Amino acid sequence: MSGRISREKKTIQVMIKMYCHVHHDTTDELCDDCLQLQNYALERIEKCKFLPDKPACNECPAHCYKPIMREKIRVVMRFSGPRMILRHPYFAIMHLLDKSLKFRV
């Protein structure tokens, strides 16, 4: 698995953890709902049909998330995205670079 894909997986884990900590009052562990969302998101990344040149999910021509999970991840990203630049600047900047380079098949 490429470094970019590994970084994307770590980024989504960080975003879900930030969300869960604030909204579900957790510390180090995720609540069951957020753990389920994280496992689902990581599985979707691993099974992406566009690997190894996977685009950013919001720019993907084939949405592989179930509608309910897509909405859950949108909520997490809306909350965590703006906070990433202060809390995890490396992941935020690399995500923006990945999107600007438009990894496409």
N, C-alpha and C. Protein backbone atom coordinates (compact mmCIF):
# COMPACT_ATOMS: atom_id res chain seq x y z
N MET A 1 0.85 -1.18 0.00
CA MET A 1 0.00 0.00 0.00
C MET A 1 0.89 1.23 0.00
N SER A 2 0.53 2.22 -0.80
CA SER A 2 1.37 3.41 -0.95
C SER A 2 1.35 4.27 0.30
N GLY A 3 2.35 5.15 0.39
CA GLY A 3 2.42 6.07 1.52
C GLY A 3 1.23 7.00 1.56
N ARG A 4 0.73 7.40 0.38
CA ARG A 4 -0.42 8.29 0.34
C ARG A 4 -1.67 7.60 0.88
N ILE A 5 -1.85 6.35 0.54
CA ILE A 5 -3.02 5.60 1.02
C ILE A 5 -2.91 5.37 2.53
N SER A 6 -1.73 5.04 3.00
CA SER A 6 -1.52 4.87 4.45
C SER A 6 -1.81 6.18 5.18
N ARG A 7 -1.37 7.28 4.60
CA ARG A 7 -1.62 8.59 5.21
C ARG A 7 -3.11 8.92 5.19
N GLU A 8 -3.80 8.56 4.12
CA GLU A 8 -5.25 8.80 4.05
C GLU A 8 -5.97 8.01 5.14
N LYS A 9 -5.54 6.79 5.38
CA LYS A 9 -6.14 5.98 6.43
C LYS A 9 -5.89 6.60 7.80
N LYS A 10 -4.68 7.06 8.04
CA LYS A 10 -4.36 7.69 9.32
C LYS A 10 -5.15 8.99 9.49
N THR A 11 -5.30 9.74 8.41
CA THR A 11 -6.05 11.00 8.46
C THR A 11 -7.50 10.75 8.87
N ILE A 12 -8.14 9.76 8.28
CA ILE A 12 -9.53 9.49 8.61
C ILE A 12 -9.65 9.00 10.06
N GLN A 13 -8.69 8.25 10.53
CA GLN A 13 -8.70 7.80 11.92
C GLN A 13 -8.60 9.00 12.87
N VAL A 14 -7.71 9.94 12.56
CA VAL A 14 -7.55 11.13 13.39
C VAL A 14 -8.83 11.96 13.39
N MET A 15 -9.44 12.12 12.22
CA MET A 15 -10.67 12.93 12.13
C MET A 15 -11.81 12.31 12.93
N ILE A 16 -11.96 11.01 12.85
CA ILE A 16 -13.02 10.33 13.59
C ILE A 16 -12.75 10.41 15.09
N LYS A 17 -11.50 10.28 15.49
CA LYS A 17 -11.16 10.38 16.91
C LYS A 17 -11.45 11.78 17.45
N MET A 18 -11.12 12.82 16.68
CA MET A 18 -11.42 14.19 17.11
C MET A 18 -12.93 14.37 17.30
N TYR A 19 -13.70 13.90 16.34
CA TYR A 19 -15.15 14.03 16.39
C TYR A 19 -15.71 13.28 17.60
N CYS A 20 -15.29 12.04 17.78
CA CYS A 20 -15.81 11.20 18.85
C CYS A 20 -15.47 11.80 20.22
N HIS A 21 -14.27 12.31 20.36
CA HIS A 21 -13.86 12.90 21.64
C HIS A 21 -14.79 14.04 22.05
N VAL A 22 -15.14 14.90 21.11
CA VAL A 22 -15.98 16.06 21.42
C VAL A 22 -17.46 15.69 21.52
N HIS A 23 -17.95 14.92 20.58
CA HIS A 23 -19.39 14.64 20.51
C HIS A 23 -19.86 13.47 21.37
N HIS A 24 -18.97 12.56 21.68
CA HIS A 24 -19.37 11.38 22.46
C HIS A 24 -18.59 11.27 23.76
N ASP A 25 -17.88 12.33 24.11
CA ASP A 25 -17.17 12.44 25.39
C ASP A 25 -16.26 11.24 25.65
N THR A 26 -15.47 10.86 24.64
CA THR A 26 -14.53 9.76 24.80
C THR A 26 -13.13 10.33 25.02
N THR A 27 -12.20 9.48 25.44
CA THR A 27 -10.82 9.91 25.63
C THR A 27 -9.93 9.22 24.60
N ASP A 28 -9.41 8.05 24.95
CA ASP A 28 -8.50 7.35 24.04
C ASP A 28 -9.21 6.39 23.10
N GLU A 29 -10.30 5.83 23.53
CA GLU A 29 -11.04 4.85 22.73
C GLU A 29 -12.19 5.51 22.00
N LEU A 30 -12.60 4.91 20.90
CA LEU A 30 -13.78 5.38 20.17
C LEU A 30 -15.03 4.72 20.74
N CYS A 31 -16.15 5.41 20.63
CA CYS A 31 -17.42 4.78 20.97
C CYS A 31 -17.72 3.73 19.91
N ASP A 32 -18.71 2.90 20.16
CA ASP A 32 -19.02 1.81 19.22
C ASP A 32 -19.42 2.33 17.84
N ASP A 33 -20.22 3.41 17.80
CA ASP A 33 -20.65 3.95 16.50
C ASP A 33 -19.47 4.49 15.70
N CYS A 34 -18.59 5.21 16.36
CA CYS A 34 -17.44 5.78 15.66
C CYS A 34 -16.44 4.70 15.25
N LEU A 35 -16.30 3.68 16.08
CA LEU A 35 -15.43 2.55 15.73
C LEU A 35 -15.97 1.84 14.49
N GLN A 36 -17.28 1.67 14.44
CA GLN A 36 -17.91 1.04 13.27
C GLN A 36 -17.69 1.90 12.02
N LEU A 37 -17.84 3.21 12.15
CA LEU A 37 -17.60 4.11 11.02
C LEU A 37 -16.15 4.05 10.58
N GLN A 38 -15.23 4.05 11.53
CA GLN A 38 -13.82 3.99 11.19
C GLN A 38 -13.48 2.69 10.45
N ASN A 39 -13.95 1.58 10.97
CA ASN A 39 -13.70 0.29 10.32
C ASN A 39 -14.27 0.27 8.91
N TYR A 40 -15.45 0.82 8.74
CA TYR A 40 -16.09 0.88 7.43
C TYR A 40 -15.27 1.74 6.47
N ALA A 41 -14.83 2.91 6.93
CA ALA A 41 -14.06 3.82 6.08
C ALA A 41 -12.73 3.19 5.68
N LEU A 42 -12.06 2.53 6.61
CA LEU A 42 -10.78 1.89 6.29
C LEU A 42 -10.98 0.75 5.29
N GLU A 43 -12.06 0.03 5.45
CA GLU A 43 -12.37 -1.07 4.51
C GLU A 43 -12.63 -0.52 3.11
N ARG A 44 -13.36 0.59 3.03
CA ARG A 44 -13.65 1.20 1.74
C ARG A 44 -12.36 1.66 1.06
N ILE A 45 -11.44 2.21 1.83
CA ILE A 45 -10.16 2.64 1.26
C ILE A 45 -9.40 1.44 0.73
N GLU A 46 -9.34 0.38 1.52
CA GLU A 46 -8.60 -0.82 1.13
C GLU A 46 -9.18 -1.48 -0.12
N LYS A 47 -10.50 -1.38 -0.28
CA LYS A 47 -11.15 -2.06 -1.41
C LYS A 47 -11.41 -1.13 -2.60
N CYS A 48 -10.84 0.06 -2.57
CA CYS A 48 -11.09 1.02 -3.65
C CYS A 48 -10.64 0.46 -4.99
N LYS A 49 -11.51 0.53 -5.97
CA LYS A 49 -11.19 -0.02 -7.29
C LYS A 49 -10.21 0.85 -8.06
N PHE A 50 -9.91 2.03 -7.55
CA PHE A 50 -8.98 2.93 -8.23
C PHE A 50 -7.56 2.86 -7.69
N LEU A 51 -7.32 1.97 -6.72
CA LEU A 51 -5.96 1.81 -6.19
C LEU A 51 -5.03 1.39 -7.31
N PRO A 52 -3.82 1.82 -7.35
CA PRO A 52 -3.10 2.59 -6.35
C PRO A 52 -3.22 4.11 -6.53
N ASP A 53 -3.92 4.55 -7.55
CA ASP A 53 -4.04 6.00 -7.83
C ASP A 53 -5.38 6.54 -7.38
N LYS A 54 -5.80 6.14 -6.20
CA LYS A 54 -7.10 6.50 -5.65
C LYS A 54 -7.25 8.01 -5.52
N PRO A 55 -8.34 8.58 -6.03
CA PRO A 55 -8.58 10.01 -5.83
C PRO A 55 -9.13 10.26 -4.43
N ALA A 56 -9.19 11.51 -4.02
CA ALA A 56 -9.85 11.86 -2.76
C ALA A 56 -11.31 11.42 -2.89
N CYS A 57 -11.86 10.91 -1.80
CA CYS A 57 -13.22 10.34 -1.85
C CYS A 57 -14.26 11.33 -2.37
N ASN A 58 -14.14 12.60 -1.97
CA ASN A 58 -15.15 13.56 -2.41
C ASN A 58 -15.00 13.91 -3.89
N GLU A 59 -13.94 13.47 -4.54
CA GLU A 59 -13.76 13.71 -5.96
C GLU A 59 -13.87 12.43 -6.77
N CYS A 60 -14.25 11.36 -6.13
CA CYS A 60 -14.31 10.06 -6.78
C CYS A 60 -15.55 9.94 -7.67
N PRO A 61 -15.40 9.37 -8.87
CA PRO A 61 -16.55 9.19 -9.75
C PRO A 61 -17.48 8.05 -9.30
N ALA A 62 -17.00 7.15 -8.45
CA ALA A 62 -17.81 6.01 -7.99
C ALA A 62 -17.91 6.06 -6.47
N HIS A 63 -19.05 6.46 -5.95
CA HIS A 63 -19.22 6.54 -4.51
C HIS A 63 -19.55 5.16 -3.97
N CYS A 64 -18.65 4.63 -3.15
CA CYS A 64 -18.81 3.26 -2.67
C CYS A 64 -19.39 3.17 -1.27
N TYR A 65 -19.60 4.31 -0.61
CA TYR A 65 -20.19 4.31 0.73
C TYR A 65 -21.70 4.12 0.64
N LYS A 66 -22.25 3.37 1.58
CA LYS A 66 -23.70 3.30 1.71
C LYS A 66 -24.18 4.70 2.09
N PRO A 67 -25.39 5.10 1.69
CA PRO A 67 -25.86 6.46 1.97
C PRO A 67 -25.77 6.86 3.45
N ILE A 68 -26.14 5.98 4.36
CA ILE A 68 -26.10 6.32 5.79
C ILE A 68 -24.67 6.55 6.26
N MET A 69 -23.74 5.73 5.78
CA MET A 69 -22.34 5.88 6.17
C MET A 69 -21.73 7.12 5.50
N ARG A 70 -22.15 7.42 4.30
CA ARG A 70 -21.66 8.63 3.62
C ARG A 70 -22.07 9.87 4.41
N GLU A 71 -23.28 9.88 4.90
CA GLU A 71 -23.73 11.03 5.69
C GLU A 71 -22.97 11.12 7.01
N LYS A 72 -22.73 9.99 7.64
CA LYS A 72 -21.97 10.00 8.90
C LYS A 72 -20.56 10.52 8.69
N ILE A 73 -19.90 10.10 7.62
CA ILE A 73 -18.53 10.55 7.39
C ILE A 73 -18.51 12.03 7.00
N ARG A 74 -19.54 12.49 6.31
CA ARG A 74 -19.64 13.92 6.00
C ARG A 74 -19.73 14.76 7.27
N VAL A 75 -20.53 14.30 8.21
CA VAL A 75 -20.68 15.02 9.48
C VAL A 75 -19.33 15.08 10.21
N VAL A 76 -18.63 13.97 10.25
CA VAL A 76 -17.32 13.92 10.89
C VAL A 76 -16.35 14.88 10.20
N MET A 77 -16.34 14.85 8.88
CA MET A 77 -15.40 15.69 8.13
C MET A 77 -15.73 17.17 8.24
N ARG A 78 -17.01 17.50 8.27
CA ARG A 78 -17.40 18.90 8.46
C ARG A 78 -16.93 19.43 9.80
N PHE A 79 -16.99 18.59 10.82
CA PHE A 79 -16.54 19.00 12.13
C PHE A 79 -15.01 19.03 12.21
N SER A 80 -14.37 17.94 11.82
CA SER A 80 -12.93 17.79 12.03
C SER A 80 -12.09 18.54 11.00
N GLY A 81 -12.57 18.64 9.78
CA GLY A 81 -11.79 19.26 8.72
C GLY A 81 -11.20 20.62 9.08
N PRO A 82 -12.02 21.58 9.48
CA PRO A 82 -11.48 22.90 9.82
C PRO A 82 -10.52 22.88 11.01
N ARG A 83 -10.66 21.92 11.89
CA ARG A 83 -9.81 21.84 13.08
C ARG A 83 -8.48 21.14 12.80
N MET A 84 -8.41 20.44 11.68
CA MET A 84 -7.20 19.68 11.35
C MET A 84 -5.98 20.59 11.17
N ILE A 85 -6.17 21.76 10.59
CA ILE A 85 -5.04 22.63 10.31
C ILE A 85 -4.33 23.05 11.60
N LEU A 86 -5.07 23.19 12.70
CA LEU A 86 -4.46 23.56 13.98
C LEU A 86 -3.98 22.35 14.78
N ARG A 87 -4.76 21.29 14.77
CA ARG A 87 -4.44 20.12 15.59
C ARG A 87 -3.49 19.13 14.91
N HIS A 88 -3.63 18.99 13.59
CA HIS A 88 -2.82 18.04 12.83
C HIS A 88 -2.45 18.66 11.48
N PRO A 89 -1.61 19.69 11.50
CA PRO A 89 -1.32 20.43 10.26
C PRO A 89 -0.71 19.57 9.15
N TYR A 90 0.11 18.60 9.50
CA TYR A 90 0.72 17.75 8.46
C TYR A 90 -0.35 17.04 7.65
N PHE A 91 -1.29 16.38 8.33
CA PHE A 91 -2.34 15.66 7.62
C PHE A 91 -3.22 16.61 6.81
N ALA A 92 -3.52 17.77 7.37
CA ALA A 92 -4.37 18.74 6.68
C ALA A 92 -3.69 19.23 5.39
N ILE A 93 -2.43 19.59 5.49
CA ILE A 93 -1.70 20.10 4.32
C ILE A 93 -1.53 19.01 3.27
N MET A 94 -1.18 17.81 3.70
CA MET A 94 -1.01 16.72 2.74
C MET A 94 -2.32 16.37 2.05
N HIS A 95 -3.42 16.44 2.77
CA HIS A 95 -4.73 16.18 2.16
C HIS A 95 -5.03 17.23 1.08
N LEU A 96 -4.74 18.48 1.39
CA LEU A 96 -4.96 19.55 0.40
C LEU A 96 -4.06 19.36 -0.81
N LEU A 97 -2.82 18.97 -0.59
CA LEU A 97 -1.91 18.71 -1.71
C LEU A 97 -2.39 17.54 -2.55
N ASP A 98 -2.85 16.48 -1.88
CA ASP A 98 -3.37 15.31 -2.61
C ASP A 98 -4.54 15.72 -3.50
N LYS A 99 -5.43 16.54 -2.98
CA LYS A 99 -6.58 16.99 -3.76
C LYS A 99 -6.15 17.89 -4.91
N SER A 100 -5.15 18.75 -4.68
CA SER A 100 -4.73 19.67 -5.73
C SER A 100 -3.98 18.95 -6.83
N LEU A 101 -3.32 17.84 -6.50
CA LEU A 101 -2.61 17.07 -7.51
C LEU A 101 -3.55 16.17 -8.31
N LYS A 102 -4.78 16.02 -7.79
CA LYS A 102 -5.83 15.26 -8.45
C LYS A 102 -5.35 13.87 -8.91
N PHE A 103 -5.06 13.02 -7.96
CA PHE A 103 -4.68 11.66 -8.29
C PHE A 103 -5.85 11.01 -9.00
N ARG A 104 -5.65 10.66 -10.22
CA ARG A 104 -6.72 10.06 -11.02
C ARG A 104 -6.15 8.87 -11.80
N VAL A 105 -7.04 7.97 -12.14
CA VAL A 105 -6.66 6.80 -12.94
C VAL A 105 -6.62 7.22 -14.39
